[in-house]
Amino acid sequence: MLDIKVLGSGCANCINLEKLCREVISENQLDAAIEKVTDFQEIMSYGILSTPGLVVNGKVVLSGKLPTKSTLTNWLMNSLAEKNN
């Protein structure tokens, strides 16, 4: 199972990143849990200085922009493969 955290205050890009994650998970039938993190202290604990941020299985993979759908799919599939090895 993938542990995904979307870090952000609730801005448009943060909302869009969460939606994009849900789309990719649904389309690829991935076993994943998504958590929305809005607490500034918790966001800072990941070293994120600009939002949105994306943390997959405890690893920061994105900060300050939106990925393309294909890039996000690639990240999630690779993270799932790493976790299963």
PDB file of N, CA and C in Angstrom:
ATOM      1  N   MET A   1       0.838  -1.182   0.000  1.00  0.00           N
ATOM      2  CA  MET A   1       0.000   0.000   0.000  1.00  0.00           C
ATOM      3  C   MET A   1       0.883   1.246   0.000  1.00  0.00           C
ATOM      4  N   LEU A   2       0.491   2.211  -0.815  1.00  0.00           N
ATOM      5  CA  LEU A   2       1.192   3.484  -0.868  1.00  0.00           C
ATOM      6  C   LEU A   2       0.628   4.428   0.194  1.00  0.00           C
ATOM      7  N   ASP A   3       1.524   5.133   0.859  1.00  0.00           N
ATOM      8  CA  ASP A   3       1.135   6.157   1.824  1.00  0.00           C
ATOM      9  C   ASP A   3       1.449   7.501   1.180  1.00  0.00           C
ATOM     10  N   ILE A   4       0.400   8.225   0.784  1.00  0.00           N
ATOM     11  CA  ILE A   4       0.558   9.480   0.050  1.00  0.00           C
ATOM     12  C   ILE A   4       0.081  10.635   0.916  1.00  0.00           C
ATOM     13  N   LYS A   5       0.919  11.659   1.005  1.00  0.00           N
ATOM     14  CA  LYS A   5       0.540  12.873   1.728  1.00  0.00           C
ATOM     15  C   LYS A   5       0.624  14.047   0.763  1.00  0.00           C
ATOM     16  N   VAL A   6      -0.479  14.768   0.654  1.00  0.00           N
ATOM     17  CA  VAL A   6      -0.518  15.994  -0.130  1.00  0.00           C
ATOM     18  C   VAL A   6      -0.362  17.137   0.862  1.00  0.00           C
ATOM     19  N   LEU A   7       0.720  17.899   0.720  1.00  0.00           N
ATOM     20  CA  LEU A   7       1.030  18.976   1.653  1.00  0.00           C
ATOM     21  C   LEU A   7       0.620  20.310   1.063  1.00  0.00           C
ATOM     22  N   GLY A   8      -0.190  21.069   1.796  1.00  0.00           N
ATOM     23  CA  GLY A   8      -0.576  22.385   1.319  1.00  0.00           C
ATOM     24  C   GLY A   8      -1.688  23.002   2.134  1.00  0.00           C
ATOM     25  N   SER A   9      -1.840  24.287   1.942  1.00  0.00           N
ATOM     26  CA  SER A   9      -2.792  25.064   2.732  1.00  0.00           C
ATOM     27  C   SER A   9      -4.224  24.987   2.216  1.00  0.00           C
ATOM     28  N   GLY A  10      -4.406  24.467   1.027  1.00  0.00           N
ATOM     29  CA  GLY A  10      -5.740  24.415   0.455  1.00  0.00           C
ATOM     30  C   GLY A  10      -5.875  25.297  -0.772  1.00  0.00           C
ATOM     31  N   CYS A  11      -4.742  25.733  -1.312  1.00  0.00           N
ATOM     32  CA  CYS A  11      -4.766  26.564  -2.530  1.00  0.00           C
ATOM     33  C   CYS A  11      -5.228  25.709  -3.716  1.00  0.00           C
ATOM     34  N   ALA A  12      -5.468  26.356  -4.831  1.00  0.00           N
ATOM     35  CA  ALA A  12      -5.963  25.659  -6.018  1.00  0.00           C
ATOM     36  C   ALA A  12      -5.017  24.539  -6.456  1.00  0.00           C
ATOM     37  N   ASN A  13      -3.711  24.797  -6.459  1.00  0.00           N
ATOM     38  CA  ASN A  13      -2.765  23.761  -6.871  1.00  0.00           C
ATOM     39  C   ASN A  13      -2.756  22.575  -5.915  1.00  0.00           C
ATOM     40  N   CYS A  14      -2.928  22.841  -4.622  1.00  0.00           N
ATOM     41  CA  CYS A  14      -2.975  21.766  -3.634  1.00  0.00           C
ATOM     42  C   CYS A  14      -4.212  20.886  -3.862  1.00  0.00           C
ATOM     43  N   ILE A  15      -5.322  21.515  -4.114  1.00  0.00           N
ATOM     44  CA  ILE A  15      -6.566  20.797  -4.387  1.00  0.00           C
ATOM     45  C   ILE A  15      -6.428  19.989  -5.671  1.00  0.00           C
ATOM     46  N   ASN A  16      -5.836  20.592  -6.707  1.00  0.00           N
ATOM     47  CA  ASN A  16      -5.652  19.895  -7.977  1.00  0.00           C
ATOM     48  C   ASN A  16      -4.702  18.714  -7.848  1.00  0.00           C
ATOM     49  N   LEU A  17      -3.667  18.843  -7.019  1.00  0.00           N
ATOM     50  CA  LEU A  17      -2.735  17.733  -6.812  1.00  0.00           C
ATOM     51  C   LEU A  17      -3.440  16.558  -6.145  1.00  0.00           C
ATOM     52  N   GLU A  18      -4.274  16.846  -5.163  1.00  0.00           N
ATOM     53  CA  GLU A  18      -5.014  15.762  -4.508  1.00  0.00           C
ATOM     54  C   GLU A  18      -5.945  15.072  -5.505  1.00  0.00           C
ATOM     55  N   LYS A  19      -6.647  15.854  -6.324  1.00  0.00           N
ATOM     56  CA  LYS A  19      -7.539  15.273  -7.337  1.00  0.00           C
ATOM     57  C   LYS A  19      -6.767  14.408  -8.323  1.00  0.00           C
ATOM     58  N   LEU A  20      -5.604  14.905  -8.751  1.00  0.00           N
ATOM     59  CA  LEU A  20      -4.784  14.168  -9.699  1.00  0.00           C
ATOM     60  C   LEU A  20      -4.302  12.848  -9.094  1.00  0.00           C
ATOM     61  N   CYS A  21      -3.916  12.878  -7.838  1.00  0.00           N
ATOM     62  CA  CYS A  21      -3.512  11.647  -7.146  1.00  0.00           C
ATOM     63  C   CYS A  21      -4.658  10.643  -7.117  1.00  0.00           C
ATOM     64  N   ARG A  22      -5.836  11.120  -6.784  1.00  0.00           N
ATOM     65  CA  ARG A  22      -6.999  10.226  -6.722  1.00  0.00           C
ATOM     66  C   ARG A  22      -7.317   9.632  -8.099  1.00  0.00           C
ATOM     67  N   GLU A  23      -7.185  10.437  -9.155  1.00  0.00           N
ATOM     68  CA  GLU A  23      -7.414   9.944 -10.520  1.00  0.00           C
ATOM     69  C   GLU A  23      -6.433   8.834 -10.878  1.00  0.00           C
ATOM     70  N   VAL A  24      -5.165   9.075 -10.631  1.00  0.00           N
ATOM     71  CA  VAL A  24      -4.125   8.098 -10.979  1.00  0.00           C
ATOM     72  C   VAL A  24      -4.322   6.812 -10.188  1.00  0.00           C
ATOM     73  N   ILE A  25      -4.638   6.935  -8.921  1.00  0.00           N
ATOM     74  CA  ILE A  25      -4.868   5.757  -8.077  1.00  0.00           C
ATOM     75  C   ILE A  25      -6.057   4.956  -8.596  1.00  0.00           C
ATOM     76  N   SER A  26      -7.131   5.647  -8.924  1.00  0.00           N
ATOM     77  CA  SER A  26      -8.332   4.984  -9.425  1.00  0.00           C
ATOM     78  C   SER A  26      -8.095   4.321 -10.773  1.00  0.00           C
ATOM     79  N   GLU A  27      -7.498   5.043 -11.697  1.00  0.00           N
ATOM     80  CA  GLU A  27      -7.270   4.528 -13.050  1.00  0.00           C
ATOM     81  C   GLU A  27      -6.326   3.333 -13.077  1.00  0.00           C
ATOM     82  N   ASN A  28      -5.378   3.300 -12.150  1.00  0.00           N
ATOM     83  CA  ASN A  28      -4.394   2.215 -12.111  1.00  0.00           C
ATOM     84  C   ASN A  28      -4.694   1.182 -11.034  1.00  0.00           C
ATOM     85  N   GLN A  29      -5.831   1.355 -10.362  1.00  0.00           N
ATOM     86  CA  GLN A  29      -6.293   0.446  -9.313  1.00  0.00           C
ATOM     87  C   GLN A  29      -5.185   0.169  -8.291  1.00  0.00           C
ATOM     88  N   LEU A  30      -4.581   1.256  -7.804  1.00  0.00           N
ATOM     89  CA  LEU A  30      -3.502   1.145  -6.824  1.00  0.00           C
ATOM     90  C   LEU A  30      -4.066   1.112  -5.418  1.00  0.00           C
ATOM     91  N   ASP A  31      -3.410   0.360  -4.560  1.00  0.00           N
ATOM     92  CA  ASP A  31      -3.764   0.309  -3.146  1.00  0.00           C
ATOM     93  C   ASP A  31      -3.015   1.446  -2.465  1.00  0.00           C
ATOM     94  N   ALA A  32      -3.749   2.507  -2.125  1.00  0.00           N
ATOM     95  CA  ALA A  32      -3.095   3.696  -1.576  1.00  0.00           C
ATOM     96  C   ALA A  32      -4.015   4.431  -0.615  1.00  0.00           C
ATOM     97  N   ALA A  33      -3.395   5.103   0.335  1.00  0.00           N
ATOM     98  CA  ALA A  33      -4.120   5.967   1.257  1.00  0.00           C
ATOM     99  C   ALA A  33      -3.601   7.383   1.054  1.00  0.00           C
ATOM    100  N   ILE A  34      -4.515   8.337   0.889  1.00  0.00           N
ATOM    101  CA  ILE A  34      -4.136   9.731   0.695  1.00  0.00           C
ATOM    102  C   ILE A  34      -4.512  10.522   1.942  1.00  0.00           C
ATOM    103  N   GLU A  35      -3.553  11.289   2.420  1.00  0.00           N
ATOM    104  CA  GLU A  35      -3.789  12.172   3.561  1.00  0.00           C
ATOM    105  C   GLU A  35      -3.493  13.600   3.129  1.00  0.00           C
ATOM    106  N   LYS A  36      -4.395  14.503   3.435  1.00  0.00           N
ATOM    107  CA  LYS A  36      -4.194  15.924   3.153  1.00  0.00           C
ATOM    108  C   LYS A  36      -3.593  16.552   4.403  1.00  0.00           C
ATOM    109  N   VAL A  37      -2.421  17.149   4.276  1.00  0.00           N
ATOM    110  CA  VAL A  37      -1.739  17.768   5.412  1.00  0.00           C
ATOM    111  C   VAL A  37      -1.768  19.277   5.224  1.00  0.00           C
ATOM    112  N   THR A  38      -2.446  19.975   6.145  1.00  0.00           N
ATOM    113  CA  THR A  38      -2.553  21.429   6.060  1.00  0.00           C
ATOM    114  C   THR A  38      -1.829  22.135   7.206  1.00  0.00           C
ATOM    115  N   ASP A  39      -1.391  21.375   8.192  1.00  0.00           N
ATOM    116  CA  ASP A  39      -0.697  21.961   9.340  1.00  0.00           C
ATOM    117  C   ASP A  39       0.688  22.453   8.919  1.00  0.00           C
ATOM    118  N   PHE A  40       0.929  23.760   9.088  1.00  0.00           N
ATOM    119  CA  PHE A  40       2.165  24.384   8.635  1.00  0.00           C
ATOM    120  C   PHE A  40       3.398  23.745   9.271  1.00  0.00           C
ATOM    121  N   GLN A  41       3.344  23.433  10.553  1.00  0.00           N
ATOM    122  CA  GLN A  41       4.491  22.824  11.241  1.00  0.00           C
ATOM    123  C   GLN A  41       4.821  21.452  10.646  1.00  0.00           C
ATOM    124  N   GLU A  42       3.788  20.675  10.352  1.00  0.00           N
ATOM    125  CA  GLU A  42       4.013  19.349   9.773  1.00  0.00           C
ATOM    126  C   GLU A  42       4.572  19.466   8.358  1.00  0.00           C
ATOM    127  N   ILE A  43       4.058  20.429   7.586  1.00  0.00           N
ATOM    128  CA  ILE A  43       4.584  20.661   6.234  1.00  0.00           C
ATOM    129  C   ILE A  43       6.065  21.019   6.311  1.00  0.00           C
ATOM    130  N   MET A  44       6.407  21.911   7.230  1.00  0.00           N
ATOM    131  CA  MET A  44       7.801  22.330   7.385  1.00  0.00           C
ATOM    132  C   MET A  44       8.705  21.177   7.825  1.00  0.00           C
ATOM    133  N   SER A  45       8.159  20.212   8.539  1.00  0.00           N
ATOM    134  CA  SER A  45       8.962  19.074   8.998  1.00  0.00           C
ATOM    135  C   SER A  45       9.485  18.244   7.827  1.00  0.00           C
ATOM    136  N   TYR A  46       8.851  18.373   6.662  1.00  0.00           N
ATOM    137  CA  TYR A  46       9.308  17.675   5.461  1.00  0.00           C
ATOM    138  C   TYR A  46      10.300  18.508   4.654  1.00  0.00           C
ATOM    139  N   GLY A  47      10.565  19.718   5.098  1.00  0.00           N
ATOM    140  CA  GLY A  47      11.492  20.579   4.380  1.00  0.00           C
ATOM    141  C   GLY A  47      10.872  21.255   3.171  1.00  0.00           C
ATOM    142  N   ILE A  48       9.556  21.263   3.103  1.00  0.00           N
ATOM    143  CA  ILE A  48       8.839  21.885   1.986  1.00  0.00           C
ATOM    144  C   ILE A  48       8.763  23.392   2.229  1.00  0.00           C
ATOM    145  N   LEU A  49       9.260  24.174   1.286  1.00  0.00           N
ATOM    146  CA  LEU A  49       9.205  25.625   1.411  1.00  0.00           C
ATOM    147  C   LEU A  49       8.122  26.238   0.534  1.00  0.00           C
ATOM    148  N   SER A  50       7.676  25.511  -0.481  1.00  0.00           N
ATOM    149  CA  SER A  50       6.572  25.991  -1.311  1.00  0.00           C
ATOM    150  C   SER A  50       5.633  24.829  -1.594  1.00  0.00           C
ATOM    151  N   THR A  51       4.362  25.134  -1.600  1.00  0.00           N
ATOM    152  CA  THR A  51       3.344  24.106  -1.809  1.00  0.00           C
ATOM    153  C   THR A  51       2.808  24.205  -3.241  1.00  0.00           C
ATOM    154  N   PRO A  52       2.209  23.156  -3.747  1.00  0.00           N
ATOM    155  CA  PRO A  52       1.926  21.901  -3.051  1.00  0.00           C
ATOM    156  C   PRO A  52       3.166  21.031  -2.920  1.00  0.00           C
ATOM    157  N   GLY A  53       3.096  20.152  -1.958  1.00  0.00           N
ATOM    158  CA  GLY A  53       4.144  19.164  -1.778  1.00  0.00           C
ATOM    159  C   GLY A  53       3.532  17.778  -1.830  1.00  0.00           C
ATOM    160  N   LEU A  54       4.336  16.824  -2.232  1.00  0.00           N
ATOM    161  CA  LEU A  54       3.852  15.446  -2.317  1.00  0.00           C
ATOM    162  C   LEU A  54       4.877  14.533  -1.666  1.00  0.00           C
ATOM    163  N   VAL A  55       4.405  13.736  -0.711  1.00  0.00           N
ATOM    164  CA  VAL A  55       5.248  12.772  -0.012  1.00  0.00           C
ATOM    165  C   VAL A  55       4.669  11.390  -0.275  1.00  0.00           C
ATOM    166  N   VAL A  56       5.503  10.489  -0.785  1.00  0.00           N
ATOM    167  CA  VAL A  56       5.070   9.118  -1.057  1.00  0.00           C
ATOM    168  C   VAL A  56       5.943   8.177  -0.248  1.00  0.00           C
ATOM    169  N   ASN A  57       5.313   7.411   0.622  1.00  0.00           N
ATOM    170  CA  ASN A  57       6.013   6.468   1.498  1.00  0.00           C
ATOM    171  C   ASN A  57       7.142   7.151   2.265  1.00  0.00           C
ATOM    172  N   GLY A  58       6.851   8.351   2.762  1.00  0.00           N
ATOM    173  CA  GLY A  58       7.801   9.075   3.596  1.00  0.00           C
ATOM    174  C   GLY A  58       8.864   9.855   2.843  1.00  0.00           C
ATOM    175  N   LYS A  59       8.845   9.796   1.521  1.00  0.00           N
ATOM    176  CA  LYS A  59       9.860  10.471   0.702  1.00  0.00           C
ATOM    177  C   LYS A  59       9.228  11.641  -0.056  1.00  0.00           C
ATOM    178  N   VAL A  60       9.827  12.827   0.075  1.00  0.00           N
ATOM    179  CA  VAL A  60       9.336  13.996  -0.658  1.00  0.00           C
ATOM    180  C   VAL A  60       9.673  13.811  -2.138  1.00  0.00           C
ATOM    181  N   VAL A  61       8.646  13.848  -2.991  1.00  0.00           N
ATOM    182  CA  VAL A  61       8.878  13.678  -4.430  1.00  0.00           C
ATOM    183  C   VAL A  61       8.563  14.937  -5.221  1.00  0.00           C
ATOM    184  N   LEU A  62       7.911  15.922  -4.579  1.00  0.00           N
ATOM    185  CA  LEU A  62       7.506  17.118  -5.308  1.00  0.00           C
ATOM    186  C   LEU A  62       7.327  18.285  -4.348  1.00  0.00           C
ATOM    187  N   SER A  63       7.703  19.470  -4.833  1.00  0.00           N
ATOM    188  CA  SER A  63       7.485  20.679  -4.056  1.00  0.00           C
ATOM    189  C   SER A  63       7.313  21.863  -4.990  1.00  0.00           C
ATOM    190  N   GLY A  64       6.227  22.604  -4.801  1.00  0.00           N
ATOM    191  CA  GLY A  64       6.042  23.881  -5.474  1.00  0.00           C
ATOM    192  C   GLY A  64       5.426  23.880  -6.852  1.00  0.00           C
ATOM    193  N   LYS A  65       5.010  22.730  -7.351  1.00  0.00           N
ATOM    194  CA  LYS A  65       4.388  22.703  -8.675  1.00  0.00           C
ATOM    195  C   LYS A  65       3.515  21.466  -8.825  1.00  0.00           C
ATOM    196  N   LEU A  66       2.784  21.426  -9.930  1.00  0.00           N
ATOM    197  CA  LEU A  66       1.970  20.260 -10.245  1.00  0.00           C
ATOM    198  C   LEU A  66       2.703  19.388 -11.262  1.00  0.00           C
ATOM    199  N   PRO A  67       2.705  18.082 -11.045  1.00  0.00           N
ATOM    200  CA  PRO A  67       3.312  17.194 -12.036  1.00  0.00           C
ATOM    201  C   PRO A  67       2.310  16.916 -13.152  1.00  0.00           C
ATOM    202  N   THR A  68       2.810  16.409 -14.267  1.00  0.00           N
ATOM    203  CA  THR A  68       1.891  15.920 -15.296  1.00  0.00           C
ATOM    204  C   THR A  68       1.302  14.607 -14.793  1.00  0.00           C
ATOM    205  N   LYS A  69       0.212  14.212 -15.376  1.00  0.00           N
ATOM    206  CA  LYS A  69      -0.431  12.967 -14.966  1.00  0.00           C
ATOM    207  C   LYS A  69       0.507  11.780 -15.201  1.00  0.00           C
ATOM    208  N   SER A  70       1.201  11.773 -16.337  1.00  0.00           N
ATOM    209  CA  SER A  70       2.091  10.649 -16.638  1.00  0.00           C
ATOM    210  C   SER A  70       3.279  10.609 -15.662  1.00  0.00           C
ATOM    211  N   THR A  71       3.797  11.766 -15.279  1.00  0.00           N
ATOM    212  CA  THR A  71       4.892  11.814 -14.310  1.00  0.00           C
ATOM    213  C   THR A  71       4.432  11.289 -12.957  1.00  0.00           C
ATOM    214  N   LEU A  72       3.264  11.727 -12.515  1.00  0.00           N
ATOM    215  CA  LEU A  72       2.728  11.264 -11.236  1.00  0.00           C
ATOM    216  C   LEU A  72       2.500   9.750 -11.272  1.00  0.00           C
ATOM    217  N   THR A  73       1.950   9.257 -12.361  1.00  0.00           N
ATOM    218  CA  THR A  73       1.730   7.815 -12.503  1.00  0.00           C
ATOM    219  C   THR A  73       3.052   7.071 -12.379  1.00  0.00           C
ATOM    220  N   ASN A  74       4.067   7.569 -13.054  1.00  0.00           N
ATOM    221  CA  ASN A  74       5.392   6.950 -13.010  1.00  0.00           C
ATOM    222  C   ASN A  74       5.936   6.927 -11.581  1.00  0.00           C
ATOM    223  N   TRP A  75       5.839   8.042 -10.870  1.00  0.00           N
ATOM    224  CA  TRP A  75       6.319   8.106  -9.484  1.00  0.00           C
ATOM    225  C   TRP A  75       5.606   7.096  -8.603  1.00  0.00           C
ATOM    226  N   LEU A  76       4.287   7.035  -8.726  1.00  0.00           N
ATOM    227  CA  LEU A  76       3.522   6.137  -7.853  1.00  0.00           C
ATOM    228  C   LEU A  76       3.809   4.676  -8.177  1.00  0.00           C
ATOM    229  N   MET A  77       3.913   4.349  -9.457  1.00  0.00           N
ATOM    230  CA  MET A  77       4.202   2.965  -9.845  1.00  0.00           C
ATOM    231  C   MET A  77       5.605   2.561  -9.362  1.00  0.00           C
ATOM    232  N   ASN A  78       6.575   3.464  -9.499  1.00  0.00           N
ATOM    233  CA  ASN A  78       7.936   3.163  -9.037  1.00  0.00           C
ATOM    234  C   ASN A  78       7.976   3.025  -7.516  1.00  0.00           C
ATOM    235  N   SER A  79       7.238   3.871  -6.803  1.00  0.00           N
ATOM    236  CA  SER A  79       7.206   3.779  -5.347  1.00  0.00           C
ATOM    237  C   SER A  79       6.581   2.476  -4.889  1.00  0.00           C
ATOM    238  N   LEU A  80       5.558   2.037  -5.600  1.00  0.00           N
ATOM    239  CA  LEU A  80       4.910   0.774  -5.256  1.00  0.00           C
ATOM    240  C   LEU A  80       5.870  -0.401  -5.521  1.00  0.00           C
ATOM    241  N   ALA A  81       6.592  -0.344  -6.629  1.00  0.00           N
ATOM    242  CA  ALA A  81       7.558  -1.398  -6.948  1.00  0.00           C
ATOM    243  C   ALA A  81       8.671  -1.452  -5.899  1.00  0.00           C
ATOM    244  N   GLU A  82       9.169  -0.280  -5.485  1.00  0.00           N
ATOM    245  CA  GLU A  82      10.219  -0.217  -4.458  1.00  0.00           C
ATOM    246  C   GLU A  82       9.735  -0.821  -3.141  1.00  0.00           C
ATOM    247  N   LYS A  83       8.499  -0.508  -2.798  1.00  0.00           N
ATOM    248  CA  LYS A  83       7.946  -0.979  -1.523  1.00  0.00           C
ATOM    249  C   LYS A  83       7.781  -2.493  -1.549  1.00  0.00           C
ATOM    250  N   ASN A  84       7.453  -3.050  -2.712  1.00  0.00           N
ATOM    251  CA  ASN A  84       7.211  -4.491  -2.820  1.00  0.00           C
ATOM    252  C   ASN A  84       8.500  -5.306  -2.956  1.00  0.00           C
ATOM    253  N   ASN A  85       9.625  -4.639  -3.140  1.00  0.00           N
ATOM    254  CA  ASN A  85      10.907  -5.358  -3.283  1.00  0.00           C
ATOM    255  C   ASN A  85      11.639  -5.487  -1.991  1.00  0.00           C
TER     256      ASN A  85
END
